[in-house]
Protein backbone atom coordinates (compact mmCIF):
# COMPACT_ATOMS: atom_id res chain seq x y z
CA MET A 1 -189.81 144.06 -196.29
CA THR A 2 -192.58 146.39 -194.90
CA LYS A 3 -195.18 143.29 -194.50
CA LEU A 4 -192.28 141.31 -192.53
CA ALA A 5 -191.46 144.55 -190.47
CA ALA A 6 -195.21 144.62 -189.30
CA ALA A 7 -195.33 141.25 -188.56
CA ASP A 8 -196.25 140.66 -184.63
CA ARG A 9 -192.79 138.41 -184.72
CA PHE A 10 -189.24 139.11 -184.04
CA ALA A 11 -188.31 137.64 -187.03
CA VAL A 12 -189.16 135.49 -190.01
CA ILE A 13 -187.53 132.23 -191.31
CA ALA A 14 -188.38 130.35 -194.37
CA THR A 15 -186.88 126.69 -195.17
CA ALA A 16 -187.36 124.27 -197.64
CA PRO A 17 -185.90 120.82 -198.61
CA GLY A 18 -182.47 121.45 -200.20
CA ARG A 19 -181.92 119.73 -203.82
CA ASP A 20 -178.18 119.59 -202.89
CA CYS A 21 -178.00 119.88 -199.40
CA ASP A 22 -180.63 118.59 -196.73
CA PHE A 23 -182.15 122.05 -196.40
CA VAL A 24 -182.06 126.05 -197.06
CA SER A 25 -183.18 128.88 -195.09
CA ARG A 26 -183.33 132.48 -195.13
CA PHE A 27 -183.99 134.73 -191.88
CA PHE A 28 -185.70 138.19 -192.17
CA ALA A 29 -186.29 140.60 -189.43
CA PRO A 30 -186.39 143.96 -190.38
CA ALA A 31 -188.11 145.36 -187.57
CA GLN A 32 -184.96 144.66 -185.67
CA GLY A 33 -182.73 146.46 -188.29
CA ILE A 34 -181.94 143.06 -190.20
CA PRO A 35 -183.52 143.01 -193.51
CA GLU A 36 -182.06 140.01 -194.44
CA ASP A 37 -179.17 138.01 -192.31
CA PRO A 38 -176.64 136.27 -194.67
CA VAL A 39 -175.87 133.71 -192.15
CA THR A 40 -177.85 132.96 -188.80
CA GLY A 41 -176.04 130.27 -186.54
CA SER A 42 -179.19 131.14 -183.86
CA ALA A 43 -182.01 130.22 -186.43
CA HIS A 44 -180.47 127.16 -187.28
CA CYS A 45 -180.75 126.08 -183.66
CA THR A 46 -184.15 125.83 -183.83
CA LEU A 47 -183.91 124.64 -187.73
CA ILE A 48 -181.68 121.61 -187.52
CA PRO A 49 -183.65 119.53 -184.63
CA TYR A 50 -186.77 120.30 -187.18
CA TRP A 51 -185.14 119.08 -190.26
CA ALA A 52 -183.12 116.20 -187.97
CA ARG A 53 -186.36 114.53 -187.30
CA ARG A 54 -187.87 115.33 -190.49
CA LEU A 55 -185.29 113.79 -192.86
CA ALA A 56 -184.35 111.01 -189.68
CA LYS A 57 -180.68 111.76 -189.51
CA THR A 58 -178.45 113.55 -187.14
CA THR A 59 -175.88 115.03 -189.76
CA LEU A 60 -176.78 117.62 -191.86
CA PHE A 61 -175.43 119.69 -194.49
CA ALA A 62 -177.42 123.26 -194.70
CA ARG A 63 -177.45 126.07 -197.53
CA GLN A 64 -178.78 129.93 -196.41
CA VAL A 65 -179.54 131.20 -199.56
CA SER A 66 -179.13 134.87 -198.84
CA LEU A 67 -177.04 137.26 -201.59
CA ARG A 68 -173.84 136.01 -199.60
CA GLY A 69 -175.06 133.06 -198.62
CA GLY A 70 -173.32 130.30 -196.67
CA GLU A 71 -172.95 126.93 -195.90
CA LEU A 72 -173.20 125.05 -192.62
CA TRP A 73 -172.44 121.59 -191.27
CA CYS A 74 -174.87 120.98 -188.82
CA GLU A 75 -175.29 117.78 -186.09
CA ASP A 76 -178.65 117.20 -183.78
CA ARG A 77 -177.17 116.14 -180.51
CA GLY A 78 -180.22 116.25 -178.83
CA GLU A 79 -180.26 119.20 -175.98
CA ARG A 80 -177.54 120.86 -178.50
CA VAL A 81 -176.77 121.08 -182.02
CA ARG A 82 -173.88 121.54 -183.04
CA ILE A 83 -173.03 124.05 -186.37
CA GLY A 84 -169.71 124.37 -187.99
CA GLY A 85 -168.72 126.43 -191.31
CA ARG A 86 -166.66 129.10 -192.80
CA ALA A 87 -166.70 132.76 -190.98
CA VAL A 88 -165.80 135.59 -190.38
CA LYS A 89 -164.87 136.95 -187.09
CA PHE A 90 -165.18 140.97 -186.36
CA SER A 91 -165.03 143.07 -183.42
CA ARG A 92 -165.19 146.85 -182.82
CA ARG A 93 -162.22 148.96 -181.75
CA GLY A 94 -163.47 152.57 -180.87
CA ASP A 95 -164.76 153.55 -184.50
CA ARG A 96 -162.66 150.80 -186.26
CA ILE A 97 -163.65 147.37 -187.59
CA VAL A 98 -161.14 144.44 -187.43
CA VAL A 99 -161.29 141.75 -189.25
CA TRP A 100 -159.95 138.12 -189.35
CA ASP A 101 -160.69 134.96 -191.17
CA VAL A 102 -161.09 132.32 -189.62
């Protein structure tokens, strides 16, 4: 983490072909106070077009393999991407965090 935090980058995304999915990834941004993000939609906005071209398909199934991890159903739509999956939505009200299952 120390070396990643010292890198002259906002964040680092690691990705590879998946065994039981199209691709896997991890997202690190320790210089931003995020050692590892469990599931990162913004990173997939870059990863989906990359893997869609590499695999010659527009519909993809991805896993972010952090400790908590998550599965994403992805679609490359040209100028845009579509990302779906299970999530927990939360908001902050004063000093309380409110959580809803979606």
